[in-house]
Amino acid sequence: MPSLYKYKITKESKLINNQSGQTMVEFILLFLILVLISFSFIKILNFNLAKYWVALVTLIIDDPSVTINIP
């Protein structure tokens, strides 16, 4: 009986220690997280920047001292 028990333990430990492909999976997951954070940051930044530019253009256009002549 002890040999069967030893075989079962060594087989389970080999399955636990088998890490082939784990590095690739971790890299892909970290890369996806980085891409999602980057796109979120760019989207938020572009939206706020667009609102800022619209506010500045509206301020310039509504100023009575500025005359805009379009030829």
Protein backbone atom coordinates (compact mmCIF):
# COMPACT_ATOMS: atom_id res chain seq x y z
CA MET A 1 0.00 0.00 0.00
CA PRO A 2 2.75 2.53 0.69
CA SER A 3 3.96 2.40 -2.91
CA LEU A 4 0.50 3.30 -4.24
CA TYR A 5 0.29 6.22 -1.81
CA LYS A 6 3.74 7.41 -2.86
CA TYR A 7 2.77 7.18 -6.54
CA LYS A 8 -0.36 9.24 -5.93
CA ILE A 9 1.59 11.96 -4.09
CA THR A 10 4.28 12.20 -6.78
CA LYS A 11 1.66 12.32 -9.54
CA GLU A 12 -0.26 15.15 -7.80
CA SER A 13 2.92 17.10 -7.08
CA LYS A 14 3.91 16.84 -10.75
CA LEU A 15 0.54 18.23 -11.79
CA ILE A 16 0.83 21.09 -9.30
CA ASN A 17 4.39 21.95 -10.35
CA ASN A 18 3.62 21.84 -14.08
CA GLN A 19 3.66 25.54 -14.99
CA SER A 20 4.13 25.36 -18.73
CA GLY A 21 2.24 28.21 -20.34
CA GLN A 22 1.58 30.04 -17.08
CA THR A 23 4.01 32.82 -17.97
CA MET A 24 2.28 33.40 -21.29
CA VAL A 25 -1.15 33.51 -19.64
CA GLU A 26 0.08 35.97 -17.02
CA PHE A 27 1.66 38.15 -19.71
CA ILE A 28 -1.54 38.22 -21.76
CA LEU A 29 -3.67 39.09 -18.72
CA LEU A 30 -1.31 41.87 -17.63
CA PHE A 31 -1.16 43.20 -21.18
CA LEU A 32 -4.97 43.26 -21.41
CA ILE A 33 -5.21 45.11 -18.10
CA LEU A 34 -2.64 47.65 -19.31
CA VAL A 35 -4.51 48.16 -22.59
CA LEU A 36 -7.85 48.61 -20.81
CA ILE A 37 -6.38 51.16 -18.40
CA SER A 38 -4.72 53.04 -21.26
CA PHE A 39 -7.87 53.21 -23.39
CA SER A 40 -9.93 54.30 -20.40
CA PHE A 41 -7.45 57.05 -19.60
CA ILE A 42 -7.36 58.26 -23.21
CA LYS A 43 -11.15 58.26 -23.50
CA ILE A 44 -11.58 60.25 -20.28
CA LEU A 45 -8.81 62.66 -21.25
CA ASN A 46 -10.17 63.24 -24.76
CA PHE A 47 -13.72 63.81 -23.50
CA ASN A 48 -12.60 66.36 -20.90
CA LEU A 49 -10.24 68.03 -23.37
CA ALA A 50 -13.06 68.36 -25.90
CA LYS A 51 -15.31 69.97 -23.27
CA TYR A 52 -12.48 72.39 -22.38
CA TRP A 53 -11.95 73.42 -26.02
CA VAL A 54 -15.70 73.90 -26.60
CA ALA A 55 -15.86 76.13 -23.52
CA LEU A 56 -12.90 78.21 -24.74
CA VAL A 57 -14.32 78.61 -28.25
CA THR A 58 -17.70 79.60 -26.84
CA LEU A 59 -16.04 82.15 -24.60
CA ILE A 60 -14.14 83.66 -27.53
CA ILE A 61 -17.18 83.72 -29.82
CA ASP A 62 -19.47 85.25 -27.19
CA ASP A 63 -17.01 88.07 -26.40
CA PRO A 64 -18.44 91.28 -27.90
CA SER A 65 -15.00 92.89 -28.27
CA VAL A 66 -13.90 90.21 -30.75
CA THR A 67 -15.04 90.51 -34.34
CA ILE A 68 -14.62 87.53 -36.59
CA ASN A 69 -14.69 88.21 -40.30
CA ILE A 70 -14.87 85.18 -42.54
CA PRO A 71 -13.76 86.08 -46.07
